[in-house]
Amino acid sequence: MEKKIKVLFVCVHNSARSQMAEAFLNELGSEFFFAESAGLEAGTLNPLAVAVMKEEGIDISNNKTKSAFDFFKQGKLYHYVITVCDESSKERCPLFPGITKRIHWSFDDPSSLTGSEEEKLEKTRQIRDHIKAAVEDFIRNVK
């Protein structure tokens, strides 16, 4: 059996964007990839992210938020570390030993959305769809 390509998705609190990216890569690319996600600091799982992923048939409601620094301290190694936060936050991400590639995908933060619940839900769906498209492109280009 071939070794899977290990990928870590990192955002600020591991509450939405990185959780969605991890779930999509593990769902769509499980034959070739193993994904984990973490935040610069562990936060609280975003209920909007849970809801829009459930619409895709993926349940992340029991996921725990994790700290990238805990993974770093554990000496975990990844082939790719993909930051999914804004430009200023990506610079705070730890450097992991053994990384062959570091990638940045910029996505809006669902926790900073404004408007009614339905408007925030619709904007989170758009973020989810952009993340899914990025993961699908990643799978096509890396495997």
C-alpha atoms as a PDB file:
ATOM      1  CA  MET A   1       0.000   0.000   0.000  1.00  0.00           C
ATOM      2  CA  GLU A   2       1.318   3.421  -0.950  1.00  0.00           C
ATOM      3  CA  LYS A   3       1.775   6.054   1.701  1.00  0.00           C
ATOM      4  CA  LYS A   4      -0.823   8.790   1.675  1.00  0.00           C
ATOM      5  CA  ILE A   5       0.096  12.418   1.208  1.00  0.00           C
ATOM      6  CA  LYS A   6      -0.345  14.165   4.571  1.00  0.00           C
ATOM      7  CA  VAL A   7      -1.929  17.610   4.526  1.00  0.00           C
ATOM      8  CA  LEU A   8      -2.517  20.059   7.363  1.00  0.00           C
ATOM      9  CA  PHE A   9      -5.045  22.873   6.901  1.00  0.00           C
ATOM     10  CA  VAL A  10      -4.487  25.854   9.203  1.00  0.00           C
ATOM     11  CA  CYS A  11      -6.654  28.884   9.958  1.00  0.00           C
ATOM     12  CA  VAL A  12      -7.047  31.177  12.945  1.00  0.00           C
ATOM     13  CA  HIS A  13      -9.301  29.147  15.283  1.00  0.00           C
ATOM     14  CA  ASN A  14      -9.870  25.856  13.440  1.00  0.00           C
ATOM     15  CA  SER A  15     -13.569  26.657  13.674  1.00  0.00           C
ATOM     16  CA  ALA A  16     -14.754  26.718  10.037  1.00  0.00           C
ATOM     17  CA  ARG A  17     -12.469  27.085   6.994  1.00  0.00           C
ATOM     18  CA  SER A  18      -9.789  24.561   7.963  1.00  0.00           C
ATOM     19  CA  GLN A  19     -12.449  22.155   9.262  1.00  0.00           C
ATOM     20  CA  MET A  20     -14.302  22.296   5.925  1.00  0.00           C
ATOM     21  CA  ALA A  21     -11.088  21.838   3.916  1.00  0.00           C
ATOM     22  CA  GLU A  22     -10.036  18.850   6.044  1.00  0.00           C
ATOM     23  CA  ALA A  23     -13.452  17.227   5.659  1.00  0.00           C
ATOM     24  CA  PHE A  24     -13.544  17.750   1.892  1.00  0.00           C
ATOM     25  CA  LEU A  25     -10.037  16.377   1.328  1.00  0.00           C
ATOM     26  CA  ASN A  26     -10.712  13.330   3.502  1.00  0.00           C
ATOM     27  CA  GLU A  27     -14.047  12.770   1.739  1.00  0.00           C
ATOM     28  CA  LEU A  28     -12.998  13.422  -1.863  1.00  0.00           C
ATOM     29  CA  GLY A  29      -9.350  12.388  -1.811  1.00  0.00           C
ATOM     30  CA  SER A  30      -9.126   9.666   0.807  1.00  0.00           C
ATOM     31  CA  GLU A  31      -7.488   7.266  -1.643  1.00  0.00           C
ATOM     32  CA  PHE A  32      -4.378   9.465  -1.906  1.00  0.00           C
ATOM     33  CA  PHE A  33      -4.534  11.937   0.997  1.00  0.00           C
ATOM     34  CA  PHE A  34      -4.840  12.128   4.760  1.00  0.00           C
ATOM     35  CA  ALA A  35      -5.876  15.551   6.075  1.00  0.00           C
ATOM     36  CA  GLU A  36      -5.919  17.159   9.503  1.00  0.00           C
ATOM     37  CA  SER A  37      -6.729  20.706  10.502  1.00  0.00           C
ATOM     38  CA  ALA A  38      -5.739  23.060  13.266  1.00  0.00           C
ATOM     39  CA  GLY A  39      -5.837  26.705  14.253  1.00  0.00           C
ATOM     40  CA  LEU A  40      -3.285  29.181  15.469  1.00  0.00           C
ATOM     41  CA  GLU A  41      -5.277  28.691  18.644  1.00  0.00           C
ATOM     42  CA  ALA A  42      -8.161  26.306  19.214  1.00  0.00           C
ATOM     43  CA  GLY A  43     -11.553  27.997  19.070  1.00  0.00           C
ATOM     44  CA  THR A  44     -15.173  26.860  18.985  1.00  0.00           C
ATOM     45  CA  LEU A  45     -16.659  24.982  16.044  1.00  0.00           C
ATOM     46  CA  ASN A  46     -18.720  27.402  13.942  1.00  0.00           C
ATOM     47  CA  PRO A  47     -22.386  26.262  13.722  1.00  0.00           C
ATOM     48  CA  LEU A  48     -22.728  27.838  10.252  1.00  0.00           C
ATOM     49  CA  ALA A  49     -19.878  25.653   8.979  1.00  0.00           C
ATOM     50  CA  VAL A  50     -21.508  22.597  10.547  1.00  0.00           C
ATOM     51  CA  ALA A  51     -24.823  23.440   8.842  1.00  0.00           C
ATOM     52  CA  VAL A  52     -23.417  24.027   5.348  1.00  0.00           C
ATOM     53  CA  MET A  53     -21.262  20.903   5.478  1.00  0.00           C
ATOM     54  CA  LYS A  54     -24.301  18.861   6.521  1.00  0.00           C
ATOM     55  CA  GLU A  55     -25.932  20.118   3.295  1.00  0.00           C
ATOM     56  CA  GLU A  56     -23.040  18.410   1.464  1.00  0.00           C
ATOM     57  CA  GLY A  57     -23.667  15.189   3.384  1.00  0.00           C
ATOM     58  CA  ILE A  58     -20.598  15.643   5.608  1.00  0.00           C
ATOM     59  CA  ASP A  59     -21.083  15.762   9.380  1.00  0.00           C
ATOM     60  CA  ILE A  60     -18.385  17.762  11.206  1.00  0.00           C
ATOM     61  CA  SER A  61     -20.548  18.438  14.272  1.00  0.00           C
ATOM     62  CA  ASN A  62     -18.434  16.211  16.541  1.00  0.00           C
ATOM     63  CA  ASN A  63     -15.083  17.604  15.383  1.00  0.00           C
ATOM     64  CA  LYS A  64     -12.852  19.152  18.008  1.00  0.00           C
ATOM     65  CA  THR A  65     -10.867  22.312  17.345  1.00  0.00           C
ATOM     66  CA  LYS A  66      -7.118  21.813  17.604  1.00  0.00           C
ATOM     67  CA  SER A  67      -3.999  23.969  17.917  1.00  0.00           C
ATOM     68  CA  ALA A  68      -1.354  23.869  15.177  1.00  0.00           C
ATOM     69  CA  PHE A  69       1.276  24.502  17.835  1.00  0.00           C
ATOM     70  CA  ASP A  70       0.250  21.281  19.613  1.00  0.00           C
ATOM     71  CA  PHE A  71       0.800  19.379  16.354  1.00  0.00           C
ATOM     72  CA  PHE A  72       4.151  21.139  15.943  1.00  0.00           C
ATOM     73  CA  LYS A  73       5.215  20.208  19.478  1.00  0.00           C
ATOM     74  CA  GLN A  74       4.189  16.590  18.807  1.00  0.00           C
ATOM     75  CA  GLY A  75       6.625  16.575  15.882  1.00  0.00           C
ATOM     76  CA  LYS A  76       3.952  15.755  13.303  1.00  0.00           C
ATOM     77  CA  LEU A  77       5.191  15.887   9.727  1.00  0.00           C
ATOM     78  CA  TYR A  78       3.181  16.940   6.664  1.00  0.00           C
ATOM     79  CA  HIS A  79       3.862  16.986   2.962  1.00  0.00           C
ATOM     80  CA  TYR A  80       1.704  20.126   2.617  1.00  0.00           C
ATOM     81  CA  VAL A  81       0.598  22.800   5.045  1.00  0.00           C
ATOM     82  CA  ILE A  82      -2.204  24.869   3.548  1.00  0.00           C
ATOM     83  CA  THR A  83      -3.266  28.065   5.276  1.00  0.00           C
ATOM     84  CA  VAL A  84      -6.869  29.055   4.584  1.00  0.00           C
ATOM     85  CA  CYS A  85      -6.971  32.396   6.388  1.00  0.00           C
ATOM     86  CA  ASP A  86      -6.153  35.979   5.471  1.00  0.00           C
ATOM     87  CA  GLU A  87      -2.656  37.163   4.528  1.00  0.00           C
ATOM     88  CA  SER A  88      -1.757  38.614   7.942  1.00  0.00           C
ATOM     89  CA  SER A  89      -2.805  35.480   9.824  1.00  0.00           C
ATOM     90  CA  LYS A  90      -0.910  33.106   7.536  1.00  0.00           C
ATOM     91  CA  GLU A  91       2.382  34.708   8.572  1.00  0.00           C
ATOM     92  CA  ARG A  92       1.749  33.605  12.186  1.00  0.00           C
ATOM     93  CA  CYS A  93       1.470  29.935  11.226  1.00  0.00           C
ATOM     94  CA  PRO A  94       4.258  27.732  12.555  1.00  0.00           C
ATOM     95  CA  LEU A  95       6.847  26.252  10.228  1.00  0.00           C
ATOM     96  CA  PHE A  96       6.635  22.485  10.325  1.00  0.00           C
ATOM     97  CA  PRO A  97       9.776  20.402   9.867  1.00  0.00           C
ATOM     98  CA  GLY A  98       9.885  18.226   6.791  1.00  0.00           C
ATOM     99  CA  ILE A  99       7.352  20.235   4.801  1.00  0.00           C
ATOM    100  CA  THR A 100       7.827  19.880   1.100  1.00  0.00           C
ATOM    101  CA  LYS A 101       5.298  22.581   0.225  1.00  0.00           C
ATOM    102  CA  ARG A 102       3.453  25.411   1.945  1.00  0.00           C
ATOM    103  CA  ILE A 103       0.396  26.829   0.176  1.00  0.00           C
ATOM    104  CA  HIS A 104      -1.948  29.700   0.984  1.00  0.00           C
ATOM    105  CA  TRP A 105      -5.612  29.841   0.003  1.00  0.00           C
ATOM    106  CA  SER A 106      -7.386  33.029   1.068  1.00  0.00           C
ATOM    107  CA  PHE A 107     -11.002  32.608   2.210  1.00  0.00           C
ATOM    108  CA  ASP A 108     -13.299  34.942   4.122  1.00  0.00           C
ATOM    109  CA  ASP A 109     -13.831  34.070   7.778  1.00  0.00           C
ATOM    110  CA  PRO A 110     -17.418  32.899   8.466  1.00  0.00           C
ATOM    111  CA  SER A 111     -17.135  34.195  12.050  1.00  0.00           C
ATOM    112  CA  SER A 112     -16.733  37.761  10.750  1.00  0.00           C
ATOM    113  CA  LEU A 113     -19.818  37.716   8.524  1.00  0.00           C
ATOM    114  CA  THR A 114     -22.589  40.231   9.120  1.00  0.00           C
ATOM    115  CA  GLY A 115     -26.267  40.306   8.253  1.00  0.00           C
ATOM    116  CA  SER A 116     -29.239  38.124   9.102  1.00  0.00           C
ATOM    117  CA  GLU A 117     -28.757  34.435   9.911  1.00  0.00           C
ATOM    118  CA  GLU A 118     -29.924  33.506   6.404  1.00  0.00           C
ATOM    119  CA  GLU A 119     -27.484  36.013   4.825  1.00  0.00           C
ATOM    120  CA  LYS A 120     -24.606  34.643   6.926  1.00  0.00           C
ATOM    121  CA  LEU A 121     -25.616  31.092   6.020  1.00  0.00           C
ATOM    122  CA  GLU A 122     -25.641  31.969   2.301  1.00  0.00           C
ATOM    123  CA  LYS A 123     -22.191  33.625   2.542  1.00  0.00           C
ATOM    124  CA  THR A 124     -20.878  30.558   4.409  1.00  0.00           C
ATOM    125  CA  ARG A 125     -22.226  28.351   1.597  1.00  0.00           C
ATOM    126  CA  GLN A 126     -20.232  30.442  -0.879  1.00  0.00           C
ATOM    127  CA  ILE A 127     -17.075  30.055   1.239  1.00  0.00           C
ATOM    128  CA  ARG A 128     -17.733  26.301   1.464  1.00  0.00           C
ATOM    129  CA  ASP A 129     -18.116  26.054  -2.301  1.00  0.00           C
ATOM    130  CA  HIS A 130     -14.845  27.966  -2.878  1.00  0.00           C
ATOM    131  CA  ILE A 131     -13.059  25.666  -0.414  1.00  0.00           C
ATOM    132  CA  LYS A 132     -14.497  22.569  -2.114  1.00  0.00           C
ATOM    133  CA  ALA A 133     -13.345  23.830  -5.536  1.00  0.00           C
ATOM    134  CA  ALA A 134      -9.842  24.529  -4.175  1.00  0.00           C
ATOM    135  CA  VAL A 135      -9.662  21.031  -2.651  1.00  0.00           C
ATOM    136  CA  GLU A 136     -10.838  19.450  -5.922  1.00  0.00           C
ATOM    137  CA  ASP A 137      -8.149  21.393  -7.834  1.00  0.00           C
ATOM    138  CA  PHE A 138      -5.546  20.339  -5.266  1.00  0.00           C
ATOM    139  CA  ILE A 139      -6.505  16.664  -5.653  1.00  0.00           C
ATOM    140  CA  ARG A 140      -6.310  16.892  -9.472  1.00  0.00           C
ATOM    141  CA  ASN A 141      -2.945  18.659  -9.447  1.00  0.00           C
ATOM    142  CA  VAL A 142      -1.139  16.755  -6.694  1.00  0.00           C
ATOM    143  CA  LYS A 143      -2.120  13.100  -6.885  1.00  0.00           C
END
